[in-house]
Amino acid sequence: MASRQPELLPGTLDLLILRTLVREPMHGYGIASRVRELSKDVLRVGESSLYPALQRLLLNGWVKAEWGTSENNRRARYYTLTAAGKQQLVAERQEFERIVLAIQNVLQFA
């Protein structure tokens, strides 16, 4: 039986993007690749969800973007986490951990 691609919980994509940008600025494809790599190929972020999420993060002031040149010498938009984005990452991570604990409690005691 083939396993299907899991869907991300609402709001989780923002958390994953913010966390991915902690170490260094990245372009969209790099963000998607890093998420796929770190999740051991379980989570795949498609362009149709990634770029609207990045735009939302830009509008909220959690990331900033600058044009640069990618590894393969193409023009790419690089995203950087802002100070407000770091604060948002902490808040979103706490909320995510609260939800995971609640789900674990239900699974354990149901």
C-alpha atoms as a PDB file:
ATOM      1  CA  MET A   1       0.000   0.000   0.000  1.00  0.00           C
ATOM      2  CA  ALA A   2       1.494   3.334  -1.056  1.00  0.00           C
ATOM      3  CA  SER A   3       1.634   6.039   1.582  1.00  0.00           C
ATOM      4  CA  ARG A   4      -0.044   9.289   0.724  1.00  0.00           C
ATOM      5  CA  GLN A   5       1.446  12.728   1.135  1.00  0.00           C
ATOM      6  CA  PRO A   6       0.440  14.113   4.560  1.00  0.00           C
ATOM      7  CA  GLU A   7      -1.262  17.493   4.643  1.00  0.00           C
ATOM      8  CA  LEU A   8       0.147  20.171   6.888  1.00  0.00           C
ATOM      9  CA  LEU A   9      -2.043  21.463   9.681  1.00  0.00           C
ATOM     10  CA  PRO A  10      -3.236  25.039   9.103  1.00  0.00           C
ATOM     11  CA  GLY A  11      -0.587  27.492  10.284  1.00  0.00           C
ATOM     12  CA  THR A  12       2.141  24.861  10.300  1.00  0.00           C
ATOM     13  CA  LEU A  13       3.671  26.030   7.029  1.00  0.00           C
ATOM     14  CA  ASP A  14       4.419  29.475   8.478  1.00  0.00           C
ATOM     15  CA  LEU A  15       6.150  27.820  11.430  1.00  0.00           C
ATOM     16  CA  LEU A  16       8.242  25.598   9.148  1.00  0.00           C
ATOM     17  CA  ILE A  17       9.277  28.511   6.930  1.00  0.00           C
ATOM     18  CA  LEU A  18      10.215  30.723   9.875  1.00  0.00           C
ATOM     19  CA  ARG A  19      12.225  27.911  11.467  1.00  0.00           C
ATOM     20  CA  THR A  20      13.994  27.147   8.203  1.00  0.00           C
ATOM     21  CA  LEU A  21      15.127  30.758   7.862  1.00  0.00           C
ATOM     22  CA  VAL A  22      16.747  30.908  11.332  1.00  0.00           C
ATOM     23  CA  ARG A  23      20.182  29.854  10.054  1.00  0.00           C
ATOM     24  CA  GLU A  24      20.479  31.783   6.803  1.00  0.00           C
ATOM     25  CA  PRO A  25      18.588  33.632   4.065  1.00  0.00           C
ATOM     26  CA  MET A  26      17.123  31.257   1.492  1.00  0.00           C
ATOM     27  CA  HIS A  27      15.160  31.375  -1.742  1.00  0.00           C
ATOM     28  CA  GLY A  28      11.810  29.617  -2.072  1.00  0.00           C
ATOM     29  CA  TYR A  29      13.130  26.469  -3.703  1.00  0.00           C
ATOM     30  CA  GLY A  30      15.798  26.213  -0.996  1.00  0.00           C
ATOM     31  CA  ILE A  31      13.168  26.507   1.736  1.00  0.00           C
ATOM     32  CA  ALA A  32      11.045  23.766   0.181  1.00  0.00           C
ATOM     33  CA  SER A  33      14.105  21.541  -0.282  1.00  0.00           C
ATOM     34  CA  ARG A  34      15.266  22.052   3.299  1.00  0.00           C
ATOM     35  CA  VAL A  35      11.837  21.173   4.709  1.00  0.00           C
ATOM     36  CA  ARG A  36      11.733  18.027   2.559  1.00  0.00           C
ATOM     37  CA  GLU A  37      15.274  17.077   3.553  1.00  0.00           C
ATOM     38  CA  LEU A  38      14.866  17.661   7.301  1.00  0.00           C
ATOM     39  CA  SER A  39      11.544  15.800   7.362  1.00  0.00           C
ATOM     40  CA  LYS A  40      13.239  12.835   5.666  1.00  0.00           C
ATOM     41  CA  ASP A  41      11.062  13.275   2.582  1.00  0.00           C
ATOM     42  CA  VAL A  42       7.763  13.184   4.508  1.00  0.00           C
ATOM     43  CA  LEU A  43       6.833  16.852   4.141  1.00  0.00           C
ATOM     44  CA  ARG A  44       6.795  18.407   0.694  1.00  0.00           C
ATOM     45  CA  VAL A  45       5.879  22.031   0.228  1.00  0.00           C
ATOM     46  CA  GLY A  46       4.506  22.870  -3.187  1.00  0.00           C
ATOM     47  CA  GLU A  47       4.870  26.214  -4.923  1.00  0.00           C
ATOM     48  CA  SER A  48       1.117  26.760  -4.748  1.00  0.00           C
ATOM     49  CA  SER A  49       1.281  26.935  -0.960  1.00  0.00           C
ATOM     50  CA  LEU A  50       4.865  28.129  -0.415  1.00  0.00           C
ATOM     51  CA  TYR A  51       4.792  31.423  -2.305  1.00  0.00           C
ATOM     52  CA  PRO A  52       1.463  32.666  -0.883  1.00  0.00           C
ATOM     53  CA  ALA A  53       2.813  31.821   2.590  1.00  0.00           C
ATOM     54  CA  LEU A  54       6.023  33.751   1.905  1.00  0.00           C
ATOM     55  CA  GLN A  55       3.970  36.705   0.688  1.00  0.00           C
ATOM     56  CA  ARG A  56       1.882  36.562   3.886  1.00  0.00           C
ATOM     57  CA  LEU A  57       5.052  36.475   6.006  1.00  0.00           C
ATOM     58  CA  LEU A  58       6.391  39.489   4.069  1.00  0.00           C
ATOM     59  CA  LEU A  59       3.178  41.445   4.602  1.00  0.00           C
ATOM     60  CA  ASN A  60       3.272  40.642   8.337  1.00  0.00           C
ATOM     61  CA  GLY A  61       6.874  41.861   8.554  1.00  0.00           C
ATOM     62  CA  TRP A  62       8.166  38.470   9.722  1.00  0.00           C
ATOM     63  CA  VAL A  63      10.517  38.098   6.763  1.00  0.00           C
ATOM     64  CA  LYS A  64      12.133  40.500   4.333  1.00  0.00           C
ATOM     65  CA  ALA A  65      13.192  39.723   0.781  1.00  0.00           C
ATOM     66  CA  GLU A  66      16.027  40.785  -1.487  1.00  0.00           C
ATOM     67  CA  TRP A  67      16.916  39.761  -4.995  1.00  0.00           C
ATOM     68  CA  GLY A  68      20.122  37.822  -5.440  1.00  0.00           C
ATOM     69  CA  THR A  69      21.785  35.151  -7.538  1.00  0.00           C
ATOM     70  CA  SER A  70      21.142  31.479  -6.790  1.00  0.00           C
ATOM     71  CA  GLU A  71      23.675  28.645  -6.793  1.00  0.00           C
ATOM     72  CA  ASN A  72      22.886  27.939 -10.456  1.00  0.00           C
ATOM     73  CA  ASN A  73      23.427  31.595 -11.407  1.00  0.00           C
ATOM     74  CA  ARG A  74      19.731  32.480 -11.704  1.00  0.00           C
ATOM     75  CA  ARG A  75      17.987  35.490 -10.249  1.00  0.00           C
ATOM     76  CA  ALA A  76      16.144  34.517  -7.047  1.00  0.00           C
ATOM     77  CA  ARG A  77      14.384  36.226  -4.197  1.00  0.00           C
ATOM     78  CA  TYR A  78      16.114  35.501  -0.881  1.00  0.00           C
ATOM     79  CA  TYR A  79      14.071  35.621   2.316  1.00  0.00           C
ATOM     80  CA  THR A  80      15.517  36.616   5.695  1.00  0.00           C
ATOM     81  CA  LEU A  81      13.927  36.314   9.117  1.00  0.00           C
ATOM     82  CA  THR A  82      13.298  39.689  10.807  1.00  0.00           C
ATOM     83  CA  ALA A  83      13.339  40.440  14.551  1.00  0.00           C
ATOM     84  CA  ALA A  84       9.536  40.349  14.491  1.00  0.00           C
ATOM     85  CA  GLY A  85       9.756  37.013  12.677  1.00  0.00           C
ATOM     86  CA  LYS A  86      11.961  35.601  15.426  1.00  0.00           C
ATOM     87  CA  GLN A  87       9.356  36.633  18.003  1.00  0.00           C
ATOM     88  CA  GLN A  88       6.603  35.111  15.887  1.00  0.00           C
ATOM     89  CA  LEU A  89       8.590  31.883  15.569  1.00  0.00           C
ATOM     90  CA  VAL A  90       8.766  31.587  19.366  1.00  0.00           C
ATOM     91  CA  ALA A  91       5.019  32.225  19.694  1.00  0.00           C
ATOM     92  CA  GLU A  92       4.068  29.808  16.911  1.00  0.00           C
ATOM     93  CA  ARG A  93       6.371  27.104  18.230  1.00  0.00           C
ATOM     94  CA  GLN A  94       4.836  27.366  21.711  1.00  0.00           C
ATOM     95  CA  GLU A  95       1.329  27.156  20.257  1.00  0.00           C
ATOM     96  CA  PHE A  96       2.284  24.187  18.072  1.00  0.00           C
ATOM     97  CA  GLU A  97       3.790  22.335  21.049  1.00  0.00           C
ATOM     98  CA  ARG A  98       0.604  23.028  23.054  1.00  0.00           C
ATOM     99  CA  ILE A  99      -1.523  21.537  20.265  1.00  0.00           C
ATOM    100  CA  VAL A 100       0.753  18.493  19.870  1.00  0.00           C
ATOM    101  CA  LEU A 101       0.553  17.836  23.619  1.00  0.00           C
ATOM    102  CA  ALA A 102      -3.244  18.083  23.505  1.00  0.00           C
ATOM    103  CA  ILE A 103      -3.385  15.603  20.613  1.00  0.00           C
ATOM    104  CA  GLN A 104      -1.019  13.239  22.429  1.00  0.00           C
ATOM    105  CA  ASN A 105      -3.232  13.422  25.528  1.00  0.00           C
ATOM    106  CA  VAL A 106      -6.314  12.492  23.530  1.00  0.00           C
ATOM    107  CA  LEU A 107      -4.509   9.617  21.787  1.00  0.00           C
ATOM    108  CA  GLN A 108      -3.097   8.313  25.050  1.00  0.00           C
ATOM    109  CA  PHE A 109      -6.297   8.405  27.071  1.00  0.00           C
ATOM    110  CA  ALA A 110      -9.032   7.932  24.497  1.00  0.00           C
END
